[in-house]
């Protein structure tokens, strides 16, 4: 069970970070997780995104919802509720760690607080690699207005056999969360 959790953590974090190895990326399919898809524009065949930079700069605090894991099976094996919970908890913890030194992570809405929502929507094998699709958005914490969103599928590091090393998976998750931080920092720098 721990190995399956590590596998999926690594896949989620590999999103936006890795690519160019032996597998083929698949075009992401909208899962219905995001509040809206109509603002998004295609960046390439595997990524669509939307960022309202002026509005994103007005948020200095973030509220992080539990990450949602929409997967029921991977490679013919069921994903248990306990595994989904572990994946969600670690991803939320990693997002918190990536943001908290500059942006307070809070539990209550306020006028300068945005909410971060993330879901792992698909995991697949591609050649010797693992592919994953993640959808995420940043919303106003009071109104729910979407400020930024992404849907992206990508390939993780070389997929060896059936499992990933737990330490490696967590490092990949942490790097993905740092990219989220870079997006927020970039908006604030303008």
N, C-alpha and C. Protein backbone atom coordinates (compact mmCIF):
# COMPACT_ATOMS: atom_id res chain seq x y z
N UNK A 1 0.83 -1.19 0.00
CA UNK A 1 0.00 0.00 0.00
C UNK A 1 0.88 1.25 0.00
N UNK A 2 1.93 1.27 0.83
CA UNK A 2 2.81 2.44 0.87
C UNK A 2 3.44 2.70 -0.49
N UNK A 3 3.79 1.64 -1.19
CA UNK A 3 4.41 1.81 -2.50
C UNK A 3 3.44 2.41 -3.50
N UNK A 4 2.17 2.02 -3.44
CA UNK A 4 1.18 2.59 -4.35
C UNK A 4 1.00 4.07 -4.06
N UNK A 5 0.95 4.43 -2.77
CA UNK A 5 0.83 5.84 -2.39
C UNK A 5 2.03 6.62 -2.90
N UNK A 6 3.23 6.08 -2.71
CA UNK A 6 4.44 6.76 -3.18
C UNK A 6 4.42 6.90 -4.70
N UNK A 7 3.96 5.88 -5.38
CA UNK A 7 3.87 5.92 -6.84
C UNK A 7 2.99 7.07 -7.29
N UNK A 8 1.83 7.22 -6.69
CA UNK A 8 0.91 8.25 -7.12
C UNK A 8 1.35 9.64 -6.68
N UNK A 9 2.00 9.75 -5.50
CA UNK A 9 2.57 11.04 -5.11
C UNK A 9 3.58 11.49 -6.14
N UNK A 10 4.46 10.58 -6.50
CA UNK A 10 5.50 10.91 -7.46
C UNK A 10 4.91 11.31 -8.80
N UNK A 11 3.86 10.65 -9.18
CA UNK A 11 3.22 10.98 -10.45
C UNK A 11 2.62 12.37 -10.39
N UNK A 12 1.94 12.69 -9.31
CA UNK A 12 1.31 14.01 -9.17
C UNK A 12 2.35 15.11 -9.20
N UNK A 13 3.42 14.90 -8.52
CA UNK A 13 4.43 15.94 -8.45
C UNK A 13 5.22 16.06 -9.74
N UNK A 14 5.36 14.97 -10.46
CA UNK A 14 6.08 15.01 -11.71
C UNK A 14 5.42 15.92 -12.73
N UNK A 15 4.14 16.19 -12.50
CA UNK A 15 3.39 17.11 -13.35
C UNK A 15 4.13 18.44 -13.41
N UNK A 16 4.24 18.99 -14.57
CA UNK A 16 4.86 20.30 -14.81
C UNK A 16 6.37 20.28 -14.66
N UNK A 17 6.96 19.18 -14.24
CA UNK A 17 8.39 19.18 -13.98
C UNK A 17 9.19 18.37 -14.99
N UNK A 18 8.66 17.26 -15.40
CA UNK A 18 9.47 16.32 -16.15
C UNK A 18 8.87 16.06 -17.52
N UNK A 19 9.59 15.45 -18.35
CA UNK A 19 9.09 15.08 -19.66
C UNK A 19 10.23 14.77 -20.58
N UNK A 20 9.90 14.42 -21.79
CA UNK A 20 10.92 14.18 -22.79
C UNK A 20 11.53 12.80 -22.74
N UNK A 21 11.03 11.88 -21.94
CA UNK A 21 11.58 10.53 -21.90
C UNK A 21 10.80 9.65 -22.87
N UNK A 22 10.82 8.35 -22.68
CA UNK A 22 10.34 7.41 -23.68
C UNK A 22 8.83 7.34 -23.86
N UNK A 23 8.02 7.72 -22.90
CA UNK A 23 6.58 7.56 -23.01
C UNK A 23 5.92 8.65 -23.83
N UNK A 24 4.63 8.47 -24.05
CA UNK A 24 3.81 9.44 -24.77
C UNK A 24 2.81 10.07 -23.83
N UNK A 25 2.72 11.38 -23.85
CA UNK A 25 1.71 12.09 -23.06
C UNK A 25 0.38 11.95 -23.77
N UNK A 26 -0.67 11.89 -22.98
CA UNK A 26 -2.01 11.87 -23.56
C UNK A 26 -2.66 13.23 -23.34
N UNK A 27 -3.56 13.58 -24.22
CA UNK A 27 -4.27 14.84 -24.07
C UNK A 27 -5.18 14.75 -22.85
N UNK A 28 -5.13 15.74 -21.96
CA UNK A 28 -5.96 15.66 -20.76
C UNK A 28 -7.44 15.78 -21.09
N UNK A 29 -8.24 15.10 -20.28
CA UNK A 29 -9.68 15.15 -20.40
C UNK A 29 -10.21 15.88 -19.18
N UNK A 30 -11.09 16.85 -19.39
CA UNK A 30 -11.67 17.61 -18.29
C UNK A 30 -12.48 16.67 -17.40
N UNK A 31 -12.17 16.68 -16.11
CA UNK A 31 -12.83 15.77 -15.17
C UNK A 31 -14.10 16.35 -14.57
N UNK A 32 -14.24 17.68 -14.64
CA UNK A 32 -15.35 18.34 -13.97
C UNK A 32 -14.97 18.85 -12.59
N UNK A 33 -13.71 18.66 -12.18
CA UNK A 33 -13.25 19.12 -10.86
C UNK A 33 -13.20 20.64 -10.76
N UNK A 34 -12.71 21.32 -11.79
CA UNK A 34 -12.57 22.77 -11.74
C UNK A 34 -13.93 23.45 -11.77
N UNK A 35 -13.99 24.63 -11.17
CA UNK A 35 -15.26 25.37 -11.17
C UNK A 35 -15.62 25.85 -12.56
N UNK A 36 -14.61 26.17 -13.39
CA UNK A 36 -14.83 26.63 -14.76
C UNK A 36 -13.67 26.18 -15.64
N UNK A 37 -13.97 25.92 -16.88
CA UNK A 37 -12.95 25.61 -17.87
C UNK A 37 -12.92 26.65 -18.99
N UNK A 38 -13.94 27.48 -19.08
CA UNK A 38 -14.09 28.36 -20.24
C UNK A 38 -13.05 29.48 -20.32
N UNK A 39 -12.41 29.86 -19.21
CA UNK A 39 -11.37 30.89 -19.24
C UNK A 39 -10.03 30.36 -19.78
N UNK A 40 -9.87 29.06 -19.74
CA UNK A 40 -8.58 28.45 -20.01
C UNK A 40 -8.23 28.49 -21.50
N UNK A 41 -6.94 28.66 -21.77
CA UNK A 41 -6.45 28.60 -23.14
C UNK A 41 -5.40 27.50 -23.24
N UNK A 42 -5.33 26.87 -24.37
CA UNK A 42 -4.36 25.80 -24.59
C UNK A 42 -2.96 26.39 -24.69
N UNK A 43 -2.04 25.83 -23.94
CA UNK A 43 -0.63 26.18 -24.03
C UNK A 43 0.03 25.27 -25.05
N UNK A 44 -0.34 24.00 -24.99
CA UNK A 44 0.10 22.99 -25.94
C UNK A 44 -0.92 21.86 -25.89
N UNK A 45 -0.63 20.72 -26.49
CA UNK A 45 -1.60 19.62 -26.56
C UNK A 45 -1.90 19.01 -25.20
N UNK A 46 -1.05 19.25 -24.21
CA UNK A 46 -1.24 18.61 -22.91
C UNK A 46 -1.47 19.58 -21.76
N UNK A 47 -1.54 20.87 -22.04
CA UNK A 47 -1.69 21.86 -20.98
C UNK A 47 -2.65 22.96 -21.39
N UNK A 48 -3.56 23.29 -20.50
CA UNK A 48 -4.40 24.48 -20.65
C UNK A 48 -4.34 25.22 -19.32
N UNK A 49 -4.36 26.57 -19.39
CA UNK A 49 -4.30 27.32 -18.14
C UNK A 49 -4.94 28.68 -18.29
N UNK A 50 -5.13 29.29 -17.13
CA UNK A 50 -5.71 30.62 -17.02
C UNK A 50 -5.11 31.26 -15.77
N UNK A 51 -4.66 32.51 -15.88
CA UNK A 51 -4.19 33.27 -14.73
C UNK A 51 -4.66 34.71 -14.89
N UNK A 52 -5.41 35.18 -13.92
CA UNK A 52 -5.80 36.59 -13.83
C UNK A 52 -4.76 37.25 -12.93
N UNK A 53 -3.66 37.70 -13.55
CA UNK A 53 -2.51 38.21 -12.79
C UNK A 53 -2.89 39.36 -11.86
N UNK A 54 -3.61 40.39 -12.33
CA UNK A 54 -3.94 41.49 -11.41
C UNK A 54 -4.73 41.01 -10.18
N UNK A 55 -5.63 40.11 -10.39
CA UNK A 55 -6.42 39.62 -9.26
C UNK A 55 -5.58 38.73 -8.35
N UNK A 56 -4.74 37.87 -8.92
CA UNK A 56 -3.90 36.98 -8.11
C UNK A 56 -2.98 37.78 -7.19
N UNK A 57 -2.51 38.93 -7.66
CA UNK A 57 -1.61 39.74 -6.82
C UNK A 57 -2.32 40.32 -5.60
N UNK A 58 -3.64 40.34 -5.59
CA UNK A 58 -4.36 40.90 -4.44
C UNK A 58 -4.46 39.92 -3.27
N UNK A 59 -4.01 38.69 -3.47
CA UNK A 59 -4.07 37.69 -2.40
C UNK A 59 -2.70 37.48 -1.79
N UNK A 60 -2.63 37.65 -0.48
CA UNK A 60 -1.38 37.50 0.25
C UNK A 60 -1.40 36.30 1.18
N UNK A 61 -2.57 35.68 1.34
CA UNK A 61 -2.73 34.49 2.18
C UNK A 61 -3.45 33.43 1.37
N UNK A 62 -3.23 32.19 1.76
CA UNK A 62 -3.86 31.09 1.03
C UNK A 62 -4.46 30.08 1.99
N UNK A 63 -5.60 29.61 1.58
CA UNK A 63 -6.31 28.53 2.28
C UNK A 63 -6.20 27.33 1.33
N UNK A 64 -5.74 26.21 1.86
CA UNK A 64 -5.50 25.04 1.00
C UNK A 64 -6.53 23.96 1.32
N UNK A 65 -7.36 23.67 0.35
CA UNK A 65 -8.33 22.59 0.50
C UNK A 65 -7.60 21.26 0.44
N UNK A 66 -8.23 20.24 0.97
CA UNK A 66 -7.66 18.89 0.84
C UNK A 66 -7.56 18.56 -0.65
N UNK A 67 -6.45 18.00 -1.04
CA UNK A 67 -6.30 17.58 -2.44
C UNK A 67 -7.27 16.43 -2.68
N UNK A 68 -7.88 16.44 -3.84
CA UNK A 68 -8.84 15.40 -4.20
C UNK A 68 -8.15 14.38 -5.09
N UNK A 69 -8.39 13.12 -4.83
CA UNK A 69 -7.86 12.05 -5.66
C UNK A 69 -9.07 11.37 -6.29
N UNK A 70 -9.27 11.62 -7.58
CA UNK A 70 -10.43 11.10 -8.29
C UNK A 70 -10.22 9.68 -8.82
N UNK A 71 -9.04 9.14 -8.62
CA UNK A 71 -8.72 7.81 -9.13
C UNK A 71 -9.38 6.73 -8.29
N UNK A 72 -9.89 5.73 -8.94
CA UNK A 72 -10.44 4.56 -8.26
C UNK A 72 -9.54 3.33 -8.45
N UNK A 73 -8.80 3.33 -9.57
CA UNK A 73 -7.93 2.20 -9.91
C UNK A 73 -6.66 2.71 -10.55
N UNK A 74 -5.60 1.94 -10.40
CA UNK A 74 -4.38 2.19 -11.15
C UNK A 74 -3.82 0.83 -11.55
N UNK A 75 -3.56 0.68 -12.83
CA UNK A 75 -2.96 -0.53 -13.37
C UNK A 75 -3.74 -1.78 -12.95
N UNK A 76 -5.06 -1.67 -12.95
CA UNK A 76 -5.91 -2.80 -12.64
C UNK A 76 -6.11 -3.07 -11.16
N UNK A 77 -5.48 -2.29 -10.31
CA UNK A 77 -5.60 -2.47 -8.86
C UNK A 77 -6.41 -1.33 -8.26
N UNK A 78 -7.31 -1.63 -7.32
CA UNK A 78 -8.09 -0.56 -6.70
C UNK A 78 -7.22 0.33 -5.82
N UNK A 79 -7.56 1.59 -5.77
CA UNK A 79 -6.91 2.54 -4.86
C UNK A 79 -7.86 2.71 -3.69
N UNK A 80 -7.39 2.41 -2.51
CA UNK A 80 -8.24 2.44 -1.32
C UNK A 80 -8.46 3.87 -0.82
N UNK A 81 -9.47 4.03 0.00
CA UNK A 81 -9.73 5.33 0.63
C UNK A 81 -8.53 5.74 1.48
N UNK A 82 -7.92 4.80 2.17
CA UNK A 82 -6.74 5.11 2.99
C UNK A 82 -5.60 5.63 2.11
N UNK A 83 -5.39 5.03 0.94
CA UNK A 83 -4.35 5.50 0.03
C UNK A 83 -4.68 6.88 -0.50
N UNK A 84 -5.93 7.12 -0.86
CA UNK A 84 -6.35 8.44 -1.34
C UNK A 84 -6.11 9.48 -0.25
N UNK A 85 -6.43 9.15 0.98
CA UNK A 85 -6.24 10.08 2.10
C UNK A 85 -4.77 10.40 2.31
N UNK A 86 -3.92 9.40 2.25
CA UNK A 86 -2.48 9.64 2.42
C UNK A 86 -1.94 10.53 1.30
N UNK A 87 -2.37 10.29 0.06
CA UNK A 87 -1.93 11.13 -1.06
C UNK A 87 -2.39 12.57 -0.86
N UNK A 88 -3.64 12.73 -0.50
CA UNK A 88 -4.22 14.06 -0.31
C UNK A 88 -3.50 14.80 0.82
N UNK A 89 -3.31 14.13 1.94
CA UNK A 89 -2.66 14.76 3.09
C UNK A 89 -1.23 15.20 2.77
N UNK A 90 -0.47 14.35 2.08
CA UNK A 90 0.91 14.72 1.79
C UNK A 90 0.96 15.87 0.79
N UNK A 91 0.12 15.85 -0.22
CA UNK A 91 0.12 16.93 -1.20
C UNK A 91 -0.23 18.25 -0.54
N UNK A 92 -1.23 18.25 0.35
CA UNK A 92 -1.60 19.47 1.08
C UNK A 92 -0.44 19.96 1.95
N UNK A 93 0.22 19.05 2.64
CA UNK A 93 1.37 19.40 3.47
C UNK A 93 2.49 19.99 2.63
N UNK A 94 2.74 19.43 1.47
CA UNK A 94 3.80 19.94 0.61
C UNK A 94 3.48 21.32 0.05
N UNK A 95 2.22 21.56 -0.32
CA UNK A 95 1.82 22.90 -0.76
C UNK A 95 2.01 23.90 0.37
N UNK A 96 1.59 23.52 1.58
CA UNK A 96 1.77 24.38 2.75
C UNK A 96 3.23 24.72 2.95
N UNK A 97 4.10 23.72 2.89
CA UNK A 97 5.54 23.95 3.08
C UNK A 97 6.11 24.86 2.01
N UNK A 98 5.63 24.75 0.78
CA UNK A 98 6.14 25.57 -0.31
C UNK A 98 5.75 27.04 -0.17
N UNK A 99 4.62 27.30 0.47
CA UNK A 99 4.10 28.67 0.54
C UNK A 99 4.38 29.40 1.85
N UNK A 100 4.39 28.68 2.96
CA UNK A 100 4.26 29.32 4.27
C UNK A 100 5.37 30.28 4.68
N UNK A 101 6.54 30.23 4.09
CA UNK A 101 7.58 31.17 4.50
C UNK A 101 7.31 32.59 3.98
N UNK A 102 6.49 32.73 2.95
CA UNK A 102 6.18 34.05 2.40
C UNK A 102 4.69 34.36 2.43
N UNK A 103 3.87 33.34 2.27
CA UNK A 103 2.42 33.52 2.21
C UNK A 103 1.78 32.72 3.34
N UNK A 104 1.16 33.40 4.30
CA UNK A 104 0.51 32.66 5.39
C UNK A 104 -0.55 31.70 4.86
N UNK A 105 -0.56 30.51 5.42
CA UNK A 105 -1.58 29.51 5.11
C UNK A 105 -2.58 29.56 6.25
N UNK A 106 -3.82 29.86 5.92
CA UNK A 106 -4.85 30.12 6.92
C UNK A 106 -6.02 29.15 6.75
N UNK A 107 -6.89 29.13 7.76
CA UNK A 107 -8.05 28.24 7.73
C UNK A 107 -9.35 28.96 7.45
N UNK A 108 -9.35 30.29 7.52
CA UNK A 108 -10.59 31.04 7.35
C UNK A 108 -10.48 31.99 6.16
N UNK A 109 -11.59 32.24 5.49
CA UNK A 109 -11.57 33.18 4.37
C UNK A 109 -11.38 34.62 4.86
N UNK A 110 -10.84 35.46 3.98
CA UNK A 110 -10.74 36.90 4.24
C UNK A 110 -10.60 37.59 2.89
N UNK A 111 -10.59 38.90 2.91
CA UNK A 111 -10.53 39.65 1.65
C UNK A 111 -9.22 39.48 0.90
N UNK A 112 -8.13 39.14 1.60
CA UNK A 112 -6.84 38.93 0.93
C UNK A 112 -6.41 37.46 0.94
N UNK A 113 -7.39 36.56 1.02
CA UNK A 113 -7.12 35.13 1.05
C UNK A 113 -7.72 34.45 -0.18
N UNK A 114 -6.91 33.63 -0.83
CA UNK A 114 -7.39 32.81 -1.95
C UNK A 114 -7.34 31.35 -1.52
N UNK A 115 -8.19 30.54 -2.14
CA UNK A 115 -8.24 29.11 -1.84
C UNK A 115 -7.60 28.33 -2.98
N UNK A 116 -6.76 27.37 -2.62
CA UNK A 116 -6.09 26.50 -3.59
C UNK A 116 -6.78 25.14 -3.56
N UNK A 117 -7.21 24.68 -4.74
CA UNK A 117 -7.84 23.37 -4.91
C UNK A 117 -7.06 22.58 -5.95
N UNK A 118 -6.75 21.32 -5.66
CA UNK A 118 -5.98 20.48 -6.57
C UNK A 118 -6.59 19.08 -6.61
N UNK A 119 -6.60 18.46 -7.79
CA UNK A 119 -7.07 17.07 -7.92
C UNK A 119 -6.17 16.28 -8.85
N UNK A 120 -5.88 15.08 -8.46
CA UNK A 120 -5.24 14.11 -9.35
C UNK A 120 -6.40 13.44 -10.07
N UNK A 121 -6.45 13.61 -11.40
CA UNK A 121 -7.62 13.14 -12.13
C UNK A 121 -7.37 11.90 -12.98
N UNK A 122 -6.12 11.63 -13.33
CA UNK A 122 -5.81 10.45 -14.14
C UNK A 122 -4.36 10.04 -13.94
N UNK A 123 -4.13 8.74 -13.90
CA UNK A 123 -2.77 8.18 -13.86
C UNK A 123 -2.75 7.04 -14.86
N UNK A 124 -1.68 6.97 -15.66
CA UNK A 124 -1.60 5.94 -16.69
C UNK A 124 -0.14 5.56 -16.94
N UNK A 125 0.07 4.38 -17.49
CA UNK A 125 1.40 3.96 -17.92
C UNK A 125 1.58 4.37 -19.36
N UNK A 126 2.79 4.81 -19.69
CA UNK A 126 3.12 5.15 -21.07
C UNK A 126 4.55 4.68 -21.32
N UNK A 127 4.67 3.60 -22.05
CA UNK A 127 5.99 3.03 -22.25
C UNK A 127 6.55 2.61 -20.91
N UNK A 128 7.74 3.08 -20.61
CA UNK A 128 8.37 2.76 -19.33
C UNK A 128 8.15 3.87 -18.30
N UNK A 129 7.20 4.76 -18.58
CA UNK A 129 6.98 5.90 -17.69
C UNK A 129 5.57 5.90 -17.13
N UNK A 130 5.39 6.78 -16.19
CA UNK A 130 4.10 6.98 -15.57
C UNK A 130 3.58 8.35 -15.98
N UNK A 131 2.36 8.41 -16.49
CA UNK A 131 1.74 9.68 -16.86
C UNK A 131 0.67 10.04 -15.85
N UNK A 132 0.45 11.32 -15.70
CA UNK A 132 -0.57 11.78 -14.76
C UNK A 132 -1.21 13.07 -15.25
N UNK A 133 -2.48 13.22 -14.93
CA UNK A 133 -3.18 14.47 -15.20
C UNK A 133 -3.62 15.05 -13.88
N UNK A 134 -3.34 16.34 -13.71
CA UNK A 134 -3.73 17.06 -12.50
C UNK A 134 -4.48 18.31 -12.92
N UNK A 135 -5.53 18.62 -12.19
CA UNK A 135 -6.26 19.86 -12.37
C UNK A 135 -6.15 20.64 -11.06
N UNK A 136 -5.95 21.95 -11.17
CA UNK A 136 -5.86 22.78 -9.98
C UNK A 136 -6.36 24.17 -10.27
N UNK A 137 -6.81 24.84 -9.21
CA UNK A 137 -7.27 26.22 -9.37
C UNK A 137 -7.06 27.00 -8.09
N UNK A 138 -6.98 28.31 -8.27
CA UNK A 138 -6.95 29.25 -7.16
C UNK A 138 -8.21 30.08 -7.29
N UNK A 139 -8.96 30.17 -6.17
CA UNK A 139 -10.23 30.89 -6.17
C UNK A 139 -10.25 31.93 -5.05
N UNK A 140 -11.07 32.97 -5.23
CA UNK A 140 -11.34 33.91 -4.15
C UNK A 140 -12.01 33.13 -3.02
N UNK A 141 -11.54 33.32 -1.79
CA UNK A 141 -12.04 32.49 -0.68
C UNK A 141 -13.47 32.83 -0.27
N UNK A 142 -13.97 34.00 -0.61
CA UNK A 142 -15.37 34.35 -0.30
C UNK A 142 -16.31 34.04 -1.46
N UNK A 143 -15.96 34.53 -2.63
CA UNK A 143 -16.89 34.44 -3.76
C UNK A 143 -16.74 33.16 -4.57
N UNK A 144 -15.58 32.50 -4.48
CA UNK A 144 -15.34 31.32 -5.30
C UNK A 144 -14.96 31.65 -6.73
N UNK A 145 -14.74 32.93 -7.04
CA UNK A 145 -14.35 33.33 -8.39
C UNK A 145 -12.97 32.75 -8.69
N UNK A 146 -12.85 32.13 -9.85
CA UNK A 146 -11.60 31.52 -10.27
C UNK A 146 -10.59 32.60 -10.66
N UNK A 147 -9.40 32.53 -10.07
CA UNK A 147 -8.33 33.49 -10.32
C UNK A 147 -7.23 32.87 -11.20
N UNK A 148 -7.03 31.57 -11.06
CA UNK A 148 -6.05 30.85 -11.86
C UNK A 148 -6.48 29.39 -11.94
N UNK A 149 -6.10 28.73 -13.03
CA UNK A 149 -6.44 27.32 -13.18
C UNK A 149 -5.48 26.66 -14.15
N UNK A 150 -5.29 25.36 -13.98
CA UNK A 150 -4.45 24.58 -14.90
C UNK A 150 -5.01 23.17 -14.99
N UNK A 151 -4.92 22.61 -16.17
CA UNK A 151 -5.12 21.18 -16.38
C UNK A 151 -3.94 20.76 -17.22
N UNK A 152 -3.22 19.74 -16.73
CA UNK A 152 -2.01 19.33 -17.43
C UNK A 152 -1.78 17.85 -17.23
N UNK A 153 -1.33 17.24 -18.28
CA UNK A 153 -0.86 15.86 -18.19
C UNK A 153 0.61 15.86 -18.53
N UNK A 154 1.35 15.03 -17.83
CA UNK A 154 2.79 14.96 -18.07
C UNK A 154 3.30 13.60 -17.66
N UNK A 155 4.55 13.35 -17.98
CA UNK A 155 5.18 12.09 -17.64
C UNK A 155 6.15 12.28 -16.50
N UNK A 156 6.21 11.31 -15.61
CA UNK A 156 7.15 11.33 -14.50
C UNK A 156 8.46 10.69 -14.90
N UNK A 157 9.35 10.62 -13.93
CA UNK A 157 10.65 10.00 -14.17
C UNK A 157 10.44 8.57 -14.61
N UNK A 158 11.51 7.95 -15.02
CA UNK A 158 11.43 6.60 -15.53
C UNK A 158 10.69 5.71 -14.54
N UNK A 159 9.73 5.00 -15.04
CA UNK A 159 8.89 4.11 -14.25
C UNK A 159 9.56 2.74 -14.23
N UNK A 160 10.03 2.34 -13.08
CA UNK A 160 10.75 1.08 -12.96
C UNK A 160 9.85 0.05 -12.29
N UNK A 161 9.48 -0.97 -13.03
CA UNK A 161 8.65 -2.01 -12.46
C UNK A 161 7.31 -1.47 -12.00
N UNK A 162 6.89 -1.88 -10.83
CA UNK A 162 5.59 -1.49 -10.32
C UNK A 162 5.61 -0.36 -9.29
N UNK A 163 6.75 -0.02 -8.76
CA UNK A 163 6.77 0.91 -7.62
C UNK A 163 7.83 1.99 -7.75
N UNK A 164 7.59 3.08 -7.07
CA UNK A 164 8.56 4.17 -6.98
C UNK A 164 9.10 4.19 -5.57
N UNK A 165 10.31 4.69 -5.44
CA UNK A 165 10.91 4.88 -4.12
C UNK A 165 10.17 6.00 -3.39
N UNK A 166 9.79 5.76 -2.15
CA UNK A 166 9.01 6.73 -1.38
C UNK A 166 9.74 8.08 -1.25
N UNK A 167 11.03 8.06 -0.94
CA UNK A 167 11.78 9.31 -0.79
C UNK A 167 11.79 10.08 -2.10
N UNK A 168 12.03 9.42 -3.19
CA UNK A 168 12.03 10.06 -4.50
C UNK A 168 10.67 10.66 -4.81
N UNK A 169 9.60 9.93 -4.51
CA UNK A 169 8.25 10.43 -4.77
C UNK A 169 7.98 11.71 -4.01
N UNK A 170 8.36 11.76 -2.76
CA UNK A 170 8.14 12.97 -1.96
C UNK A 170 8.95 14.15 -2.48
N UNK A 171 10.17 13.89 -2.94
CA UNK A 171 10.98 14.96 -3.51
C UNK A 171 10.31 15.53 -4.76
N UNK A 172 9.72 14.67 -5.57
CA UNK A 172 9.05 15.13 -6.79
C UNK A 172 7.82 15.95 -6.43
N UNK A 173 7.04 15.50 -5.44
CA UNK A 173 5.87 16.26 -4.97
C UNK A 173 6.31 17.64 -4.51
N UNK A 174 7.36 17.68 -3.74
CA UNK A 174 7.85 18.96 -3.23
C UNK A 174 8.26 19.91 -4.36
N UNK A 175 8.88 19.39 -5.41
CA UNK A 175 9.26 20.23 -6.54
C UNK A 175 8.03 20.77 -7.27
N UNK A 176 6.99 19.95 -7.42
CA UNK A 176 5.76 20.41 -8.05
C UNK A 176 5.16 21.57 -7.25
N UNK A 177 5.16 21.44 -5.95
CA UNK A 177 4.61 22.50 -5.11
C UNK A 177 5.45 23.77 -5.18
N UNK A 178 6.74 23.64 -5.39
CA UNK A 178 7.58 24.82 -5.58
C UNK A 178 7.20 25.55 -6.88
N UNK A 179 6.77 24.81 -7.89
CA UNK A 179 6.32 25.47 -9.14
C UNK A 179 5.06 26.27 -8.90
N UNK A 180 4.17 25.76 -8.05
CA UNK A 180 2.99 26.52 -7.66
C UNK A 180 3.43 27.82 -7.01
N UNK A 181 4.39 27.73 -6.11
CA UNK A 181 4.92 28.92 -5.44
C UNK A 181 5.51 29.90 -6.45
N UNK A 182 6.24 29.41 -7.44
CA UNK A 182 6.84 30.27 -8.46
C UNK A 182 5.77 31.01 -9.26
N UNK A 183 4.64 30.36 -9.52
CA UNK A 183 3.55 31.00 -10.25
C UNK A 183 2.99 32.17 -9.44
N UNK A 184 2.81 31.95 -8.15
CA UNK A 184 2.28 33.01 -7.27
C UNK A 184 3.31 34.15 -7.14
N UNK A 185 4.57 33.78 -6.94
CA UNK A 185 5.64 34.80 -6.85
C UNK A 185 5.72 35.63 -8.13
N UNK A 186 5.60 34.97 -9.26
CA UNK A 186 5.68 35.66 -10.55
C UNK A 186 4.56 36.69 -10.68
N UNK A 187 3.36 36.34 -10.27
CA UNK A 187 2.24 37.28 -10.32
C UNK A 187 2.49 38.47 -9.40
N UNK A 188 3.06 38.21 -8.23
CA UNK A 188 3.32 39.29 -7.27
C UNK A 188 4.47 40.19 -7.71
N UNK A 189 5.33 39.70 -8.57
CA UNK A 189 6.51 40.47 -9.02
C UNK A 189 6.12 41.50 -10.09
N UNK A 190 4.96 41.37 -10.69
CA UNK A 190 4.57 42.27 -11.79
C UNK A 190 4.07 43.60 -11.28
